[in-house]
Amino acid sequence: QVQLVESGGGSVQAGGSLRLSCVASGYRENGYLMGWFRQAAGKEREGVAASRSDGRIYYADSVKGRFTVSNDKAKNTLFLQMNNLKPEDAAMYYCAVAIGWTAPDRYLAAYSYKYWGQGTQVTVSS
């Protein structure tokens, strides 16, 4: 059974940084996607970044240049380094896994992912 556990959320002021972690277990596929998503109150879940098992990474335009994804495969951990945070970045952040690759234009679509963590809250004050 695939399990995902996020951590690292918190409350920061605008311009601050946070590093989220997602520890994954229970899957053995060679080809997979791991993604970061976020959902603010009253809004739809949106893709933030996706990491493909071959090392390629994709970012939403809204976070390019500010967020960085890294993957420690030895520890089955995906990280999301978030710098220069803005109030509009405040949301519940989720880690997700898709087994296998879909088309690249779907990497940041929630429907492409099968397994989800419980989320970690990020609050950004202005």
C-alpha atoms as a PDB file:
ATOM      1  CA  GLN A   1       0.000   0.000   0.000  1.00  0.00           C
ATOM      2  CA  VAL A   2       1.370   3.384  -1.027  1.00  0.00           C
ATOM      3  CA  GLN A   3       1.707   5.855   1.815  1.00  0.00           C
ATOM      4  CA  LEU A   4       2.752   9.486   1.636  1.00  0.00           C
ATOM      5  CA  VAL A   5       3.532  11.628   4.661  1.00  0.00           C
ATOM      6  CA  GLU A   6       4.135  15.366   4.287  1.00  0.00           C
ATOM      7  CA  SER A   7       5.813  17.627   6.813  1.00  0.00           C
ATOM      8  CA  GLY A   8       7.484  21.011   7.047  1.00  0.00           C
ATOM      9  CA  GLY A   9       4.530  23.347   6.795  1.00  0.00           C
ATOM     10  CA  GLY A  10       4.210  26.340   9.044  1.00  0.00           C
ATOM     11  CA  SER A  11       3.597  30.037   9.255  1.00  0.00           C
ATOM     12  CA  VAL A  12       5.983  32.583   7.738  1.00  0.00           C
ATOM     13  CA  GLN A  13       5.961  36.190   6.694  1.00  0.00           C
ATOM     14  CA  ALA A  14       5.951  37.200   3.055  1.00  0.00           C
ATOM     15  CA  GLY A  15       9.430  36.831   1.626  1.00  0.00           C
ATOM     16  CA  GLY A  16      10.242  33.938   3.929  1.00  0.00           C
ATOM     17  CA  SER A  17      11.067  30.323   3.145  1.00  0.00           C
ATOM     18  CA  LEU A  18       9.856  26.868   4.013  1.00  0.00           C
ATOM     19  CA  ARG A  19      10.973  23.389   3.041  1.00  0.00           C
ATOM     20  CA  LEU A  20       8.359  20.699   2.709  1.00  0.00           C
ATOM     21  CA  SER A  21       9.136  16.991   2.791  1.00  0.00           C
ATOM     22  CA  CYS A  22       7.194  14.000   1.553  1.00  0.00           C
ATOM     23  CA  VAL A  23       8.235  10.519   2.588  1.00  0.00           C
ATOM     24  CA  ALA A  24       6.858   7.832   0.308  1.00  0.00           C
ATOM     25  CA  SER A  25       6.569   4.118   0.862  1.00  0.00           C
ATOM     26  CA  GLY A  26       4.858   1.083  -0.612  1.00  0.00           C
ATOM     27  CA  TYR A  27       5.541   1.331  -4.320  1.00  0.00           C
ATOM     28  CA  ARG A  28       8.204  -0.321  -6.397  1.00  0.00           C
ATOM     29  CA  GLU A  29       7.507   0.944  -9.874  1.00  0.00           C
ATOM     30  CA  ASN A  30      10.439   2.272 -11.866  1.00  0.00           C
ATOM     31  CA  GLY A  31       8.413   4.796 -13.751  1.00  0.00           C
ATOM     32  CA  TYR A  32       6.446   7.215 -11.637  1.00  0.00           C
ATOM     33  CA  LEU A  33       5.616  10.816 -11.001  1.00  0.00           C
ATOM     34  CA  MET A  34       5.692  12.555  -7.667  1.00  0.00           C
ATOM     35  CA  GLY A  35       3.920  15.847  -7.458  1.00  0.00           C
ATOM     36  CA  TRP A  36       3.271  18.740  -5.128  1.00  0.00           C
ATOM     37  CA  PHE A  37      -0.166  20.276  -5.140  1.00  0.00           C
ATOM     38  CA  ARG A  38      -1.837  22.950  -3.084  1.00  0.00           C
ATOM     39  CA  GLN A  39      -5.356  23.904  -2.249  1.00  0.00           C
ATOM     40  CA  ALA A  40      -6.412  27.162  -0.681  1.00  0.00           C
ATOM     41  CA  ALA A  41      -9.751  27.548   1.030  1.00  0.00           C
ATOM     42  CA  GLY A  42     -12.531  27.810  -1.521  1.00  0.00           C
ATOM     43  CA  LYS A  43     -10.258  27.091  -4.453  1.00  0.00           C
ATOM     44  CA  GLU A  44      -9.504  24.083  -6.602  1.00  0.00           C
ATOM     45  CA  ARG A  45      -6.455  21.974  -6.046  1.00  0.00           C
ATOM     46  CA  GLU A  46      -3.627  23.133  -8.295  1.00  0.00           C
ATOM     47  CA  GLY A  47      -0.374  21.548  -9.330  1.00  0.00           C
ATOM     48  CA  VAL A  48       2.784  23.209  -8.102  1.00  0.00           C
ATOM     49  CA  ALA A  49       5.545  20.920  -9.337  1.00  0.00           C
ATOM     50  CA  ALA A  50       6.126  17.391 -10.567  1.00  0.00           C
ATOM     51  CA  SER A  51       9.209  15.197 -10.402  1.00  0.00           C
ATOM     52  CA  ARG A  52       9.536  12.364 -12.875  1.00  0.00           C
ATOM     53  CA  SER A  53      11.447   9.229 -11.924  1.00  0.00           C
ATOM     54  CA  ASP A  54      14.051   9.962 -14.612  1.00  0.00           C
ATOM     55  CA  GLY A  55      14.883  13.226 -12.892  1.00  0.00           C
ATOM     56  CA  ARG A  56      12.957  15.713 -14.997  1.00  0.00           C
ATOM     57  CA  ILE A  57      11.066  18.338 -13.045  1.00  0.00           C
ATOM     58  CA  TYR A  58       8.147  20.523 -14.066  1.00  0.00           C
ATOM     59  CA  TYR A  59       6.892  23.678 -12.367  1.00  0.00           C
ATOM     60  CA  ALA A  60       3.769  25.741 -12.476  1.00  0.00           C
ATOM     61  CA  ASP A  61       4.432  29.201 -13.888  1.00  0.00           C
ATOM     62  CA  SER A  62       3.310  30.788 -10.618  1.00  0.00           C
ATOM     63  CA  VAL A  63       6.220  29.247  -8.694  1.00  0.00           C
ATOM     64  CA  LYS A  64       9.029  29.144 -11.254  1.00  0.00           C
ATOM     65  CA  GLY A  65      12.166  30.765  -9.884  1.00  0.00           C
ATOM     66  CA  ARG A  66      10.901  30.598  -6.306  1.00  0.00           C
ATOM     67  CA  PHE A  67      10.200  26.916  -5.640  1.00  0.00           C
ATOM     68  CA  THR A  68      12.624  24.059  -6.149  1.00  0.00           C
ATOM     69  CA  VAL A  69      11.903  20.327  -6.091  1.00  0.00           C
ATOM     70  CA  SER A  70      14.506  17.767  -5.155  1.00  0.00           C
ATOM     71  CA  ASN A  71      14.279  14.031  -4.697  1.00  0.00           C
ATOM     72  CA  ASP A  72      16.323  11.876  -2.358  1.00  0.00           C
ATOM     73  CA  LYS A  73      15.657   8.488  -3.905  1.00  0.00           C
ATOM     74  CA  ALA A  74      17.681   6.656  -1.273  1.00  0.00           C
ATOM     75  CA  LYS A  75      15.291   7.958   1.378  1.00  0.00           C
ATOM     76  CA  ASN A  76      12.198   7.906  -0.841  1.00  0.00           C
ATOM     77  CA  THR A  77      11.724  11.558   0.019  1.00  0.00           C
ATOM     78  CA  LEU A  78      10.563  14.425  -2.161  1.00  0.00           C
ATOM     79  CA  PHE A  79      11.327  17.979  -1.063  1.00  0.00           C
ATOM     80  CA  LEU A  80       9.821  21.305  -1.996  1.00  0.00           C
ATOM     81  CA  GLN A  81      11.980  24.295  -1.160  1.00  0.00           C
ATOM     82  CA  MET A  82       9.822  27.397  -1.197  1.00  0.00           C
ATOM     83  CA  ASN A  83      11.543  30.782  -1.223  1.00  0.00           C
ATOM     84  CA  ASN A  84      10.215  34.317  -1.430  1.00  0.00           C
ATOM     85  CA  LEU A  85       6.816  33.148  -0.282  1.00  0.00           C
ATOM     86  CA  LYS A  86       3.815  35.309  -1.074  1.00  0.00           C
ATOM     87  CA  PRO A  87       0.438  35.483   0.663  1.00  0.00           C
ATOM     88  CA  GLU A  88      -1.109  33.801  -2.378  1.00  0.00           C
ATOM     89  CA  ASP A  89       1.083  30.751  -1.722  1.00  0.00           C
ATOM     90  CA  ALA A  90      -0.811  30.054   1.475  1.00  0.00           C
ATOM     91  CA  ALA A  91      -2.621  26.728   1.183  1.00  0.00           C
ATOM     92  CA  MET A  92      -2.683  23.128   2.236  1.00  0.00           C
ATOM     93  CA  TYR A  93       0.136  21.432   0.359  1.00  0.00           C
ATOM     94  CA  TYR A  94      -0.192  17.822  -0.732  1.00  0.00           C
ATOM     95  CA  CYS A  95       2.224  15.263  -2.052  1.00  0.00           C
ATOM     96  CA  ALA A  96       0.967  12.775  -4.632  1.00  0.00           C
ATOM     97  CA  VAL A  97       2.203   9.810  -6.650  1.00  0.00           C
ATOM     98  CA  ALA A  98       1.194   8.605 -10.082  1.00  0.00           C
ATOM     99  CA  ILE A  99       2.343   5.175 -11.161  1.00  0.00           C
ATOM    100  CA  GLY A 100       3.616   5.456 -14.689  1.00  0.00           C
ATOM    101  CA  TRP A 101       3.977   8.520 -16.870  1.00  0.00           C
ATOM    102  CA  THR A 102       1.192  10.346 -18.592  1.00  0.00           C
ATOM    103  CA  ALA A 103       1.591  13.116 -21.149  1.00  0.00           C
ATOM    104  CA  PRO A 104       3.714  16.024 -19.854  1.00  0.00           C
ATOM    105  CA  ASP A 105       0.857  18.476 -20.152  1.00  0.00           C
ATOM    106  CA  ARG A 106      -0.930  16.436 -17.488  1.00  0.00           C
ATOM    107  CA  TYR A 107       1.884  16.329 -14.955  1.00  0.00           C
ATOM    108  CA  LEU A 108       0.358  19.146 -12.920  1.00  0.00           C
ATOM    109  CA  ALA A 109      -3.198  17.848 -13.152  1.00  0.00           C
ATOM    110  CA  ALA A 110      -4.606  16.324  -9.984  1.00  0.00           C
ATOM    111  CA  TYR A 111      -6.519  13.665 -11.938  1.00  0.00           C
ATOM    112  CA  SER A 112      -3.204  12.166 -13.097  1.00  0.00           C
ATOM    113  CA  TYR A 113      -2.338  11.070  -9.555  1.00  0.00           C
ATOM    114  CA  LYS A 114      -3.630   8.087  -7.684  1.00  0.00           C
ATOM    115  CA  TYR A 115      -2.097   8.335  -4.224  1.00  0.00           C
ATOM    116  CA  TRP A 116      -2.217  11.349  -1.938  1.00  0.00           C
ATOM    117  CA  GLY A 117      -0.847  12.378   1.413  1.00  0.00           C
ATOM    118  CA  GLN A 118      -2.809  14.122   4.149  1.00  0.00           C
ATOM    119  CA  GLY A 119      -1.259  17.515   3.510  1.00  0.00           C
ATOM    120  CA  THR A 120       0.711  20.108   5.430  1.00  0.00           C
ATOM    121  CA  GLN A 121      -0.518  23.652   6.004  1.00  0.00           C
ATOM    122  CA  VAL A 122       1.416  26.679   4.801  1.00  0.00           C
ATOM    123  CA  THR A 123       0.420  30.130   6.035  1.00  0.00           C
ATOM    124  CA  VAL A 124       1.992  33.308   4.671  1.00  0.00           C
ATOM    125  CA  SER A 125       1.291  36.647   6.300  1.00  0.00           C
ATOM    126  CA  SER A 126       1.791  39.965   4.544  1.00  0.00           C
END
